[in-house]
Protein backbone atom coordinates (compact mmCIF):
# COMPACT_ATOMS: atom_id res chain seq x y z
CA UNK A 1 -107.42 16.20 -97.36
CA UNK A 2 -104.97 18.66 -98.85
CA UNK A 3 -104.64 22.19 -97.47
CA UNK A 4 -102.14 24.84 -98.45
CA UNK A 5 -102.93 27.75 -96.06
CA UNK A 6 -101.56 25.87 -93.05
CA UNK A 7 -98.50 23.61 -93.33
CA UNK A 8 -98.64 21.84 -90.00
CA UNK A 9 -95.76 19.53 -90.86
CA UNK A 10 -93.56 22.51 -91.61
CA UNK A 11 -94.48 24.19 -88.34
CA UNK A 12 -93.64 21.04 -86.38
CA UNK A 13 -90.33 20.73 -88.20
CA UNK A 14 -89.51 24.41 -87.58
CA UNK A 15 -90.29 24.16 -83.86
CA UNK A 16 -88.12 21.12 -83.35
CA UNK A 17 -85.34 22.56 -85.48
CA UNK A 18 -85.35 25.73 -83.34
CA UNK A 19 -85.05 23.70 -80.14
CA UNK A 20 -82.28 21.63 -81.69
CA UNK A 21 -80.36 24.76 -82.74
CA UNK A 22 -80.76 26.23 -79.23
CA UNK A 23 -79.38 23.02 -77.74
CA UNK A 24 -76.58 23.04 -80.33
CA UNK A 25 -75.63 26.62 -79.40
CA UNK A 26 -75.68 25.68 -75.70
CA UNK A 27 -73.31 22.75 -76.29
CA UNK A 28 -70.99 24.89 -78.39
CA UNK A 29 -70.93 27.60 -75.67
CA UNK A 30 -70.15 25.10 -72.91
CA UNK A 31 -67.40 23.44 -74.93
CA UNK A 32 -65.87 26.78 -75.89
CA UNK A 33 -65.93 28.18 -72.30
CA UNK A 34 -65.42 24.93 -70.42
CA UNK A 35 -68.28 25.90 -68.08
CA UNK A 36 -71.62 24.20 -67.61
CA UNK A 37 -73.09 27.35 -66.08
CA UNK A 38 -72.42 30.48 -68.12
CA UNK A 39 -75.49 32.48 -67.04
CA UNK A 40 -78.24 32.24 -64.50
CA UNK A 41 -80.67 30.57 -66.88
CA UNK A 42 -78.35 27.57 -67.25
CA UNK A 43 -78.88 26.55 -63.58
CA UNK A 44 -80.20 29.24 -61.21
CA UNK A 45 -79.69 27.25 -58.00
CA UNK A 46 -76.32 25.95 -59.14
CA UNK A 47 -75.21 29.50 -60.01
CA UNK A 48 -76.02 30.73 -56.48
CA UNK A 49 -74.07 27.92 -54.82
CA UNK A 50 -71.22 28.25 -57.30
CA UNK A 51 -70.83 31.98 -56.70
CA UNK A 52 -70.76 31.42 -52.94
CA UNK A 53 -68.06 28.79 -53.39
CA UNK A 54 -66.09 31.13 -55.64
CA UNK A 55 -66.29 33.84 -52.97
CA UNK A 56 -65.05 31.41 -50.32
CA UNK A 57 -62.25 30.30 -52.63
CA UNK A 58 -61.05 33.89 -53.13
CA UNK A 59 -61.11 34.40 -49.36
CA UNK A 60 -59.18 31.19 -48.70
CA UNK A 61 -56.64 32.03 -51.39
CA UNK A 62 -56.04 35.42 -49.79
CA UNK A 63 -55.86 33.83 -46.34
CA UNK A 64 -53.08 31.58 -47.63
CA UNK A 65 -51.31 34.60 -49.11
CA UNK A 66 -51.73 36.51 -45.83
CA UNK A 67 -50.32 33.60 -43.86
CA UNK A 68 -47.32 33.28 -46.16
CA UNK A 69 -46.61 36.99 -45.79
CA UNK A 70 -47.02 36.76 -42.03
CA UNK A 71 -44.50 33.92 -42.03
CA UNK A 72 -42.03 36.18 -43.85
CA UNK A 73 -42.55 38.95 -41.28
CA UNK A 74 -42.05 36.54 -38.39
CA UNK A 75 -38.96 34.99 -39.97
CA UNK A 76 -37.46 38.44 -40.59
CA UNK A 77 -38.14 39.51 -37.02
CA UNK A 78 -36.60 36.34 -35.65
CA UNK A 79 -33.54 36.89 -37.83
CA UNK A 80 -32.94 40.32 -36.32
CA UNK A 81 -33.45 38.90 -32.83
CA UNK A 82 -30.85 36.22 -33.52
CA UNK A 83 -28.30 38.99 -34.03
CA UNK A 84 -29.44 40.68 -30.79
CA UNK A 85 -28.98 37.35 -28.99
CA UNK A 86 -25.44 37.04 -30.37
CA UNK A 87 -24.60 40.52 -29.10
CA UNK A 88 -26.00 39.73 -25.65
CA UNK A 89 -23.92 36.55 -25.50
CA UNK A 90 -20.81 38.52 -26.43
CA UNK A 91 -21.62 40.99 -23.65
CA UNK A 92 -21.99 38.05 -21.27
CA UNK A 93 -18.46 36.86 -21.98
CA UNK A 94 -17.10 40.40 -21.51
CA UNK A 95 -18.89 40.82 -18.15
CA UNK A 96 -17.63 37.45 -16.91
CA UNK A 97 -14.12 38.32 -18.03
CA UNK A 98 -14.28 41.74 -16.37
CA UNK A 99 -15.20 40.11 -13.06
CA UNK A 100 -11.81 38.37 -13.08
CA UNK A 101 -10.24 41.39 -11.41
CA UNK A 102 -7.39 39.38 -9.93
CA UNK A 103 -6.00 38.62 -13.37
CA UNK A 104 -7.08 41.69 -15.36
CA UNK A 105 -5.73 45.19 -15.20
CA UNK A 106 -7.88 48.27 -14.86
CA UNK A 107 -7.13 49.16 -18.48
CA UNK A 108 -8.35 45.76 -19.69
CA UNK A 109 -11.60 46.09 -17.74
CA UNK A 110 -12.10 49.57 -19.21
CA UNK A 111 -11.52 48.08 -22.68
CA UNK A 112 -14.17 45.46 -21.94
CA UNK A 113 -16.53 48.22 -20.85
CA UNK A 114 -15.99 50.00 -24.17
CA UNK A 115 -16.87 46.81 -26.04
CA UNK A 116 -19.98 46.40 -23.87
CA UNK A 117 -21.01 49.98 -24.67
CA UNK A 118 -20.53 49.35 -28.39
CA UNK A 119 -22.58 46.13 -28.28
CA UNK A 120 -25.39 47.87 -26.37
CA UNK A 121 -25.41 50.66 -28.98
CA UNK A 122 -25.65 48.02 -31.71
CA UNK A 123 -28.63 46.38 -30.00
CA UNK A 124 -30.46 49.71 -29.87
CA UNK A 125 -29.52 50.40 -33.50
CA UNK A 126 -30.95 47.04 -34.59
CA UNK A 127 -34.09 47.81 -32.60
CA UNK A 128 -34.49 51.12 -34.41
CA UNK A 129 -33.72 49.87 -37.95
CA UNK A 130 -35.25 46.38 -38.14
CA UNK A 131 -38.09 46.54 -40.67
CA UNK A 132 -40.07 44.60 -43.25
CA UNK A 133 -41.44 46.49 -46.26
CA UNK A 134 -41.35 49.69 -44.23
CA UNK A 135 -42.97 48.15 -41.15
CA UNK A 136 -40.86 48.55 -38.02
CA UNK A 137 -40.37 45.29 -36.17
CA UNK A 138 -38.38 45.84 -32.96
CA UNK A 139 -38.76 49.50 -32.02
CA UNK A 140 -42.00 48.98 -30.13
CA UNK A 141 -44.30 49.56 -33.13
CA UNK A 142 -45.57 45.99 -32.69
CA UNK A 143 -45.94 46.41 -28.93
CA UNK A 144 -49.34 46.68 -27.26
CA UNK A 145 -50.25 49.99 -25.65
CA UNK A 146 -51.57 50.25 -22.11
CA UNK A 147 -53.11 52.96 -19.98
CA UNK A 148 -53.84 53.22 -16.30
CA UNK A 149 -51.08 50.89 -15.08
CA UNK A 150 -50.45 51.60 -11.41
CA UNK A 151 -46.66 51.28 -11.09
CA UNK A 152 -46.94 51.01 -7.32
CA UNK A 153 -48.78 47.70 -7.88
CA UNK A 154 -47.48 46.43 -11.22
CA UNK A 155 -43.83 47.09 -12.07
CA UNK A 156 -43.88 45.80 -15.62
CA UNK A 157 -46.28 44.46 -18.24
CA UNK A 158 -45.49 42.44 -21.36
CA UNK A 159 -48.50 41.71 -23.54
CA UNK A 160 -47.98 38.90 -26.01
CA UNK A 161 -51.37 38.93 -27.71
CA UNK A 162 -54.81 40.45 -27.22
CA UNK A 163 -58.08 40.13 -29.10
CA UNK A 164 -60.04 43.39 -29.30
CA UNK A 165 -62.94 42.20 -31.46
CA UNK A 166 -65.26 45.18 -31.83
CA UNK A 167 -64.06 46.75 -28.58
CA UNK A 168 -61.87 49.82 -28.44
CA UNK A 169 -59.86 48.45 -25.52
CA UNK A 170 -59.31 45.33 -23.45
CA UNK A 171 -59.71 45.80 -19.67
CA UNK A 172 -57.37 43.85 -17.39
CA UNK A 173 -58.20 43.25 -13.74
CA UNK A 174 -55.60 41.70 -11.42
CA UNK A 175 -56.42 40.48 -7.93
CA UNK A 176 -53.98 38.67 -5.64
CA UNK A 177 -55.65 35.72 -3.92
CA UNK A 178 -52.51 34.11 -2.47
CA UNK A 179 -49.43 36.12 -1.56
CA UNK A 180 -45.93 35.42 -2.79
CA UNK A 181 -43.54 34.43 -0.02
CA UNK A 182 -39.86 34.11 0.50
CA UNK A 183 -38.50 31.02 2.18
CA UNK A 184 -38.31 31.96 5.86
CA UNK A 185 -36.99 30.56 9.15
CA UNK A 186 -37.50 32.19 12.56
CA UNK A 187 -35.10 32.20 15.53
CA UNK A 188 -36.59 33.41 18.78
CA UNK A 189 -34.77 36.00 20.86
CA UNK A 190 -35.94 34.32 24.07
CA UNK A 191 -34.85 30.87 25.16
CA UNK A 192 -37.43 28.15 24.78
CA UNK A 193 -36.06 26.42 27.87
CA UNK A 194 -37.85 27.73 31.01
CA UNK A 195 -34.79 26.89 33.08
CA UNK A 196 -32.56 29.11 31.03
CA UNK A 197 -32.23 32.83 31.38
CA UNK A 198 -33.74 34.88 28.56
CA UNK A 199 -31.43 35.23 25.61
CA UNK A 200 -32.06 38.97 25.45
CA UNK A 201 -31.33 39.04 21.73
CA UNK A 202 -28.04 37.17 22.12
CA UNK A 203 -26.72 33.70 21.37
CA UNK A 204 -26.76 31.60 24.55
CA UNK A 205 -23.65 29.66 23.62
CA UNK A 206 -21.09 29.27 20.93
CA UNK A 207 -22.58 27.78 17.78
CA UNK A 208 -21.59 27.00 14.21
CA UNK A 209 -24.35 27.16 11.62
CA UNK A 210 -24.56 26.14 7.99
CA UNK A 211 -26.56 28.52 5.79
CA UNK A 212 -27.72 27.26 2.39
CA UNK A 213 -29.81 28.93 -0.28
CA UNK A 214 -30.31 28.95 -4.02
CA UNK A 215 -26.87 30.46 -4.62
CA UNK A 216 -24.71 28.30 -2.37
CA UNK A 217 -23.65 27.25 1.11
CA UNK A 218 -21.60 29.02 3.78
CA UNK A 219 -20.67 28.13 7.35
CA UNK A 220 -20.50 30.76 10.08
CA UNK A 221 -19.25 30.40 13.67
CA UNK A 222 -20.37 32.58 16.56
CA UNK A 223 -19.28 32.80 20.20
CA UNK A 224 -21.59 32.89 23.17
CA UNK A 225 -23.20 36.28 23.77
CA UNK A 226 -23.04 37.41 20.11
CA UNK A 227 -25.88 39.84 19.60
CA UNK A 228 -28.57 39.11 17.04
CA UNK A 229 -27.62 42.35 15.27
CA UNK A 230 -24.13 40.97 14.70
CA UNK A 231 -25.56 37.66 13.54
CA UNK A 232 -27.71 39.53 10.99
CA UNK A 233 -24.69 41.49 9.78
CA UNK A 234 -22.62 38.32 9.41
CA UNK A 235 -25.32 36.48 7.47
CA UNK A 236 -25.89 39.43 5.16
CA UNK A 237 -22.18 39.74 4.50
CA UNK A 238 -22.27 36.38 2.71
CA UNK A 239 -25.70 36.73 1.09
CA UNK A 240 -24.13 36.95 -2.36
CA UNK A 241 -22.70 33.48 -1.73
CA UNK A 242 -25.83 31.92 -0.29
CA UNK A 243 -28.88 33.82 -1.54
CA UNK A 244 -30.02 34.11 2.10
CA UNK A 245 -30.57 37.33 4.03
CA UNK A 246 -31.24 37.93 7.71
CA UNK A 247 -33.11 40.65 9.57
CA UNK A 248 -34.35 41.43 13.04
CA UNK A 249 -38.07 41.01 13.58
CA UNK A 250 -38.04 44.32 15.41
CA UNK A 251 -35.03 46.62 15.02
CA UNK A 252 -35.73 48.29 18.36
CA UNK A 253 -36.23 45.02 20.28
CA UNK A 254 -33.81 42.18 19.42
CA UNK A 255 -35.60 39.97 21.96
CA UNK A 256 -38.32 39.39 19.37
CA UNK A 257 -35.85 37.35 17.35
CA UNK A 258 -34.53 37.29 13.81
CA UNK A 259 -35.52 35.70 10.50
CA UNK A 260 -33.57 34.06 7.70
CA UNK A 261 -35.12 34.70 4.28
CA UNK A 262 -34.39 33.82 0.70
CA UNK A 263 -33.37 36.83 -1.34
CA UNK A 264 -36.18 36.23 -3.85
CA UNK A 265 -39.78 35.09 -3.86
CA UNK A 266 -41.14 31.87 -5.26
CA UNK A 267 -41.56 28.16 -4.78
CA UNK A 268 -38.13 27.52 -6.31
CA UNK A 269 -36.45 29.49 -3.49
CA UNK A 270 -35.32 27.79 -0.29
CA UNK A 271 -33.52 28.51 2.96
CA UNK A 272 -31.71 25.90 5.00
CA UNK A 273 -30.12 26.84 8.34
CA UNK A 274 -28.84 24.15 10.66
CA UNK A 275 -26.49 23.79 13.57
CA UNK A 276 -23.31 21.81 12.96
CA UNK A 277 -20.77 20.47 15.41
CA UNK A 278 -20.83 20.66 19.19
CA UNK A 279 -22.94 22.98 21.35
CA UNK A 280 -25.69 25.35 20.35
CA UNK A 281 -28.53 23.20 21.65
CA UNK A 282 -30.63 26.37 22.07
CA UNK A 283 -30.49 27.01 18.30
CA UNK A 284 -33.95 25.94 17.20
CA UNK A 285 -35.74 27.37 14.16
CA UNK A 286 -39.43 27.60 13.36
CA UNK A 287 -41.56 28.63 10.40
CA UNK A 288 -43.40 31.34 12.36
CA UNK A 289 -42.97 32.87 15.86
CA UNK A 290 -45.99 30.98 17.16
CA UNK A 291 -45.00 27.61 15.69
CA UNK A 292 -43.67 24.92 17.99
CA UNK A 293 -42.42 22.58 15.27
CA UNK A 294 -38.65 22.72 14.84
CA UNK A 295 -37.50 22.85 11.21
CA UNK A 296 -34.26 23.45 9.36
CA UNK A 297 -35.51 24.17 5.84
CA UNK A 298 -38.30 26.16 4.25
CA UNK A 299 -39.38 26.98 0.72
CA UNK A 300 -41.02 30.08 -0.68
CA UNK A 301 -44.37 30.40 -2.44
CA UNK A 302 -45.48 31.81 -5.77
CA UNK A 303 -48.09 34.50 -6.03
CA UNK A 304 -51.54 33.35 -7.13
CA UNK A 305 -53.67 35.94 -8.86
CA UNK A 306 -56.89 36.24 -10.82
CA UNK A 307 -56.59 37.99 -14.16
CA UNK A 308 -60.02 38.90 -15.54
CA UNK A 309 -61.48 36.19 -13.34
CA UNK A 310 -59.12 33.43 -14.49
CA UNK A 311 -56.40 31.93 -12.32
CA UNK A 312 -53.04 32.99 -13.72
CA UNK A 313 -49.73 31.16 -13.45
CA UNK A 314 -47.42 32.54 -10.79
CA UNK A 315 -43.65 32.38 -10.47
CA UNK A 316 -42.38 34.43 -7.58
CA UNK A 317 -43.87 37.87 -8.20
CA UNK A 318 -44.34 37.18 -11.91
CA UNK A 319 -47.87 36.50 -13.16
CA UNK A 320 -48.64 35.13 -16.61
CA UNK A 321 -51.81 34.14 -18.42
CA UNK A 322 -52.24 32.51 -21.79
CA UNK A 323 -55.75 32.35 -23.23
CA UNK A 324 -57.20 32.70 -26.73
CA UNK A 325 -58.18 36.30 -25.98
CA UNK A 326 -55.28 37.45 -23.81
CA UNK A 327 -51.70 36.36 -23.34
CA UNK A 328 -49.47 38.45 -21.10
CA UNK A 329 -46.88 38.53 -18.33
CA UNK A 330 -46.67 40.96 -15.40
CA UNK A 331 -44.21 41.68 -12.62
CA UNK A 332 -46.12 42.63 -9.48
CA UNK A 333 -44.74 45.12 -7.04
CA UNK A 334 -43.54 43.53 -3.81
CA UNK A 335 -46.11 45.38 -1.68
CA UNK A 336 -48.97 44.29 -3.97
CA UNK A 337 -47.85 40.71 -4.60
CA UNK A 338 -47.15 39.85 -0.96
CA UNK A 339 -50.48 40.86 0.54
CA UNK A 340 -54.06 39.68 0.07
CA UNK A 341 -56.38 42.61 0.60
CA UNK A 342 -59.23 41.83 -1.77
CA UNK A 343 -58.40 44.96 -3.77
CA UNK A 344 -57.58 44.69 -7.45
CA UNK A 345 -55.40 46.59 -9.87
CA UNK A 346 -57.01 47.55 -13.18
CA UNK A 347 -55.61 48.88 -16.44
CA UNK A 348 -56.55 48.87 -20.13
CA UNK A 349 -54.91 47.59 -23.28
CA UNK A 350 -55.76 50.41 -25.66
CA UNK A 351 -54.20 49.32 -28.95
CA UNK A 352 -50.95 48.48 -30.67
CA UNK A 353 -49.67 45.03 -31.43
CA UNK A 354 -49.97 43.46 -34.85
CA UNK A 355 -53.04 41.68 -36.18
CA UNK A 356 -52.72 38.87 -38.71
CA UNK A 357 -55.76 37.93 -40.81
CA UNK A 358 -55.33 34.18 -41.18
CA UNK A 359 -58.85 33.17 -42.21
CA UNK A 360 -61.21 33.95 -45.11
CA UNK A 361 -63.71 35.79 -42.88
CA UNK A 362 -62.97 39.05 -41.09
CA UNK A 363 -63.81 38.33 -37.47
CA UNK A 364 -61.94 37.87 -34.22
CA UNK A 365 -61.91 34.07 -34.44
CA UNK A 366 -59.93 34.18 -37.69
CA UNK A 367 -57.48 36.87 -36.60
CA UNK A 368 -54.43 36.46 -34.40
CA UNK A 369 -52.85 39.28 -32.44
CA UNK A 370 -49.14 39.23 -31.70
CA UNK A 371 -46.99 41.70 -29.80
CA UNK A 372 -43.23 42.20 -29.87
CA UNK A 373 -41.74 44.53 -27.31
CA UNK A 374 -39.07 47.08 -28.07
CA UNK A 375 -35.58 45.60 -28.08
CA UNK A 376 -33.90 48.90 -27.26
CA UNK A 377 -31.39 48.66 -24.43
CA UNK A 378 -33.52 50.97 -22.31
CA UNK A 379 -36.43 48.48 -22.48
CA UNK A 380 -34.60 45.15 -22.30
CA UNK A 381 -33.64 43.06 -19.27
CA UNK A 382 -35.75 44.75 -16.59
CA UNK A 383 -34.46 43.46 -13.24
CA UNK A 384 -35.24 44.40 -9.67
CA UNK A 385 -31.94 45.16 -7.90
CA UNK A 386 -32.23 46.30 -4.30
CA UNK A 387 -35.78 47.54 -4.88
CA UNK A 388 -35.01 49.44 -8.11
CA UNK A 389 -35.77 48.14 -11.62
CA UNK A 390 -32.81 48.43 -13.99
CA UNK A 391 -32.50 47.73 -17.71
CA UNK A 392 -29.67 46.78 -20.03
CA UNK A 393 -28.55 50.35 -20.62
CA UNK A 394 -27.71 50.62 -16.89
CA UNK A 395 -24.50 48.61 -17.47
CA UNK A 396 -23.07 51.24 -19.83
CA UNK A 397 -20.15 53.43 -18.83
CA UNK A 398 -21.18 55.96 -16.21
CA UNK A 399 -24.38 54.12 -15.38
CA UNK A 400 -25.32 52.47 -12.09
CA UNK A 401 -24.31 48.91 -12.96
CA UNK A 402 -21.26 49.34 -15.18
CA UNK A 403 -18.57 46.69 -14.80
CA UNK A 404 -15.82 49.29 -14.71
CA UNK A 405 -17.26 50.41 -11.36
CA UNK A 406 -17.14 46.86 -9.99
CA UNK A 407 -20.79 45.94 -10.56
CA UNK A 408 -20.18 42.82 -12.62
CA UNK A 409 -22.58 40.70 -10.53
CA UNK A 410 -25.49 43.12 -10.94
CA UNK A 411 -24.65 43.54 -14.62
CA UNK A 412 -24.66 39.78 -15.06
CA UNK A 413 -28.09 39.47 -13.44
CA UNK A 414 -29.57 42.14 -15.71
CA UNK A 415 -27.87 40.54 -18.71
CA UNK A 416 -29.27 37.11 -17.88
CA UNK A 417 -32.78 38.55 -17.81
CA UNK A 418 -32.17 40.28 -21.15
CA UNK A 419 -30.97 37.03 -22.71
CA UNK A 420 -33.99 35.22 -21.30
CA UNK A 421 -36.39 37.88 -22.65
CA UNK A 422 -34.92 37.69 -26.16
CA UNK A 423 -34.95 33.88 -26.06
CA UNK A 424 -38.60 33.85 -24.97
CA UNK A 425 -39.60 36.25 -27.75
CA UNK A 426 -37.73 34.13 -30.30
CA UNK A 427 -39.42 31.02 -28.95
CA UNK A 428 -42.85 32.66 -29.15
CA UNK A 429 -42.16 33.76 -32.72
CA UNK A 430 -41.03 30.26 -33.65
CA UNK A 431 -44.07 28.67 -32.03
CA UNK A 432 -46.37 31.17 -33.75
CA UNK A 433 -44.82 30.46 -37.14
CA UNK A 434 -44.73 26.69 -36.73
CA UNK A 435 -47.91 25.95 -34.81
CA UNK A 436 -50.18 28.73 -36.05
CA UNK A 437 -49.08 30.04 -39.42
CA UNK A 438 -47.75 26.88 -41.04
CA UNK A 439 -50.63 24.73 -39.82
CA UNK A 440 -53.05 27.41 -41.01
CA UNK A 441 -51.47 27.40 -44.47
CA UNK A 442 -51.76 23.63 -44.71
CA UNK A 443 -55.37 23.57 -43.52
CA UNK A 444 -56.32 26.43 -45.86
CA UNK A 445 -54.71 24.62 -48.79
CA UNK A 446 -56.76 21.50 -48.02
CA UNK A 447 -59.89 23.63 -47.77
CA UNK A 448 -59.08 25.32 -51.09
CA UNK A 449 -58.68 21.94 -52.78
CA UNK A 450 -62.08 20.77 -51.56
CA UNK A 451 -63.81 24.06 -52.41
CA UNK A 452 -62.31 24.02 -55.89
CA UNK A 453 -63.44 20.45 -56.43
CA UNK A 454 -66.97 21.32 -55.29
CA UNK A 455 -67.14 24.43 -57.46
CA UNK A 456 -65.79 22.50 -60.43
CA UNK A 457 -68.40 19.80 -60.05
CA UNK A 458 -71.16 22.41 -60.07
CA UNK A 459 -69.90 24.77 -62.76
CA UNK A 460 -67.40 23.08 -65.05
CA UNK A 461 -68.57 21.34 -68.21
CA UNK A 462 -68.23 17.58 -68.64
CA UNK A 463 -66.55 17.46 -72.05
CA UNK A 464 -67.41 13.82 -72.68
CA UNK A 465 -71.09 14.44 -72.02
CA UNK A 466 -71.15 17.75 -73.86
CA UNK A 467 -69.38 16.28 -76.91
CA UNK A 468 -71.91 13.48 -77.10
CA UNK A 469 -74.76 15.99 -76.76
CA UNK A 470 -73.14 18.19 -79.44
CA UNK A 471 -72.98 15.28 -81.86
CA UNK A 472 -76.62 14.48 -81.19
CA UNK A 473 -77.63 18.13 -81.69
CA UNK A 474 -75.66 18.33 -84.95
CA UNK A 475 -77.38 15.22 -86.30
CA UNK A 476 -80.80 16.45 -85.20
CA UNK A 477 -80.09 19.85 -86.78
CA UNK A 478 -79.18 18.28 -90.10
CA UNK A 479 -82.16 15.95 -89.95
CA UNK A 480 -84.50 18.77 -88.95
CA UNK A 481 -83.32 20.91 -91.86
CA UNK A 482 -83.93 18.02 -94.25
CA UNK A 483 -87.36 17.29 -92.77
CA UNK A 484 -88.30 20.97 -92.99
CA UNK A 485 -87.38 20.98 -96.67
CA UNK A 486 -89.49 17.88 -97.22
CA UNK A 487 -92.45 19.41 -95.33
CA UNK A 488 -92.26 22.55 -97.45
CA UNK A 489 -92.11 20.50 -100.64
CA UNK A 490 -95.09 18.34 -99.68
CA UNK A 491 -97.58 21.21 -100.11
CA UNK A 492 -96.54 21.57 -103.73
CA UNK A 493 -98.06 18.16 -104.52
CA UNK A 494 -101.49 19.83 -104.61
CA UNK A 495 -100.58 21.33 -107.99
CA UNK A 496 -101.13 17.94 -109.58
CA UNK A 497 -104.86 18.34 -108.99
CA UNK A 498 -105.00 21.44 -111.21
CA UNK A 499 -103.67 19.77 -114.35
C-alpha cells in the first residue's frame, strides 16, 4: 500500500539521525574539553561527587600552601633565635672571664661589662626588629596573653600552645597535690643519749663534718661547745661551694636543733652530711625531728600539681603540661608550691599566640596554636635569686647583678637560664617544623594525589573510549543522512502509477 501523506520511514530515519547527531556533539564536546561531565545532565550524581572532591582538593592545596608558609615563618624565627643564642654564648664567655679577678684588672672587667651591655642591647634590638612579611616574631606579638595570674602563687607563666576553639578564653586551674621539698637533714639540739647532759644548742664534742650538695663538697671542723648558731654561719659561708644551707629550727631556741637543706627544690637536689675522723659520736642526723632512723643523705622532691584536672610534670617548683589543647610551663611561688592546702590558683588565657591552619577544614582539630615569648632582655632568663626574680637586663651596668660590681656568679646563673630558654624555644620550633609541619605537608600531598585521582576518574573523559564512540557516531550520522535521503526518495515512486 502506497501512502504519501505520512512518510514513516523518513520519520524513523530523522529520529535516529537526531539521536546520532546529539551523541556526536556529546563526543566532540568531551574530546574538546577533556571532561566526561561538562554539565549536570551528563551525570547528575557524578557531578555532585565531583564538585565535592574539587572543593576538598582546593582546601588541601591551600592547606599545603599554608603549611609551606608556616614553615618559612618558623625557619625565619629560628634563624633570628640562632643569632640571639650566639650573643648569649658570647656574654657567657665575658662573664666567666670577668670572674677571673685575680688575673684581670678593674679596667678589663669594666671593658667586659661594656661588651655585655652592647650584646644585651643587640638581643633586645633583634627582639624588636625580627619580622616576616610585616609580622613581628620575637617582640611578644606571638606570645599568649593571660589575665588573673596571682603573682603571689605563680611567679611566671610560659604558654607554648593553646586551643581556643569557639571559646573566647582558656581557663587554667592549678592545684598542688604534693609539695615540692628541698633535701633536708635534721640535727637535734638535745643529746639522744640519756646519760649525757643536754646539748643546749651546742656541739657536745669536737667534730669534723663533710658537707656535700649539688655544687660540691666542703669539710668543716668544729670544737666542743660550738653553738648551733655558729655552725649555721659556718655552713652558710660555704654554701656557694656546696649548694647546702643551714638554719636553726627556732631562732629563739637553739635547743630545738638545726637543719641542713639543699639550696633548691626538686628530686635532683641532695644533701649529704656525715662525720669524718675521730670523735663526734653524738652527731646523728635524721630526716625529721620525730624520726629515729639515722641517715646521712637526703634528696628533695618535685612539686606535683593538677592543671585543669590533669597531672602535670613537676621539676622543683616548675610545673609543665603538654596536651593537644594546652602546652605550658609555670614557676610556682615557694609559698604556694611547698604547701598542700586544697586551694587552687586560677587564671585565663585570653588570646595572643599564633594560629596555623594546617588542614582543609576550619576547625580546632586542623589548627595548631604556637606561642613564642618576647626575647627582649627584660623578659629573658627569669631566675629566682635570694627570693627575687631577675632577668637578663639585670646584669647590665648599674643593675643589681652586673659583673663590674662582683656579681659574676649571679649573672652566670641568670645567663644559663636565658641560654636554656632560647635553646628550648629553638627546639620547640624545630620539633614543630619537623614533626608537625613537614609531616602535614607530606600527608596532605598524598591526600591531594588520591583526591585528584578520584576526581579524574569521575569527571575526566576517556579519550580511547570517546574516540571510538565518535567514530561510531560519525558513521551512523553519515548512514542516517543517506537513509533519510533514500526514505524521502521512496515516496516519489508513487508517481509511476499516474502515467
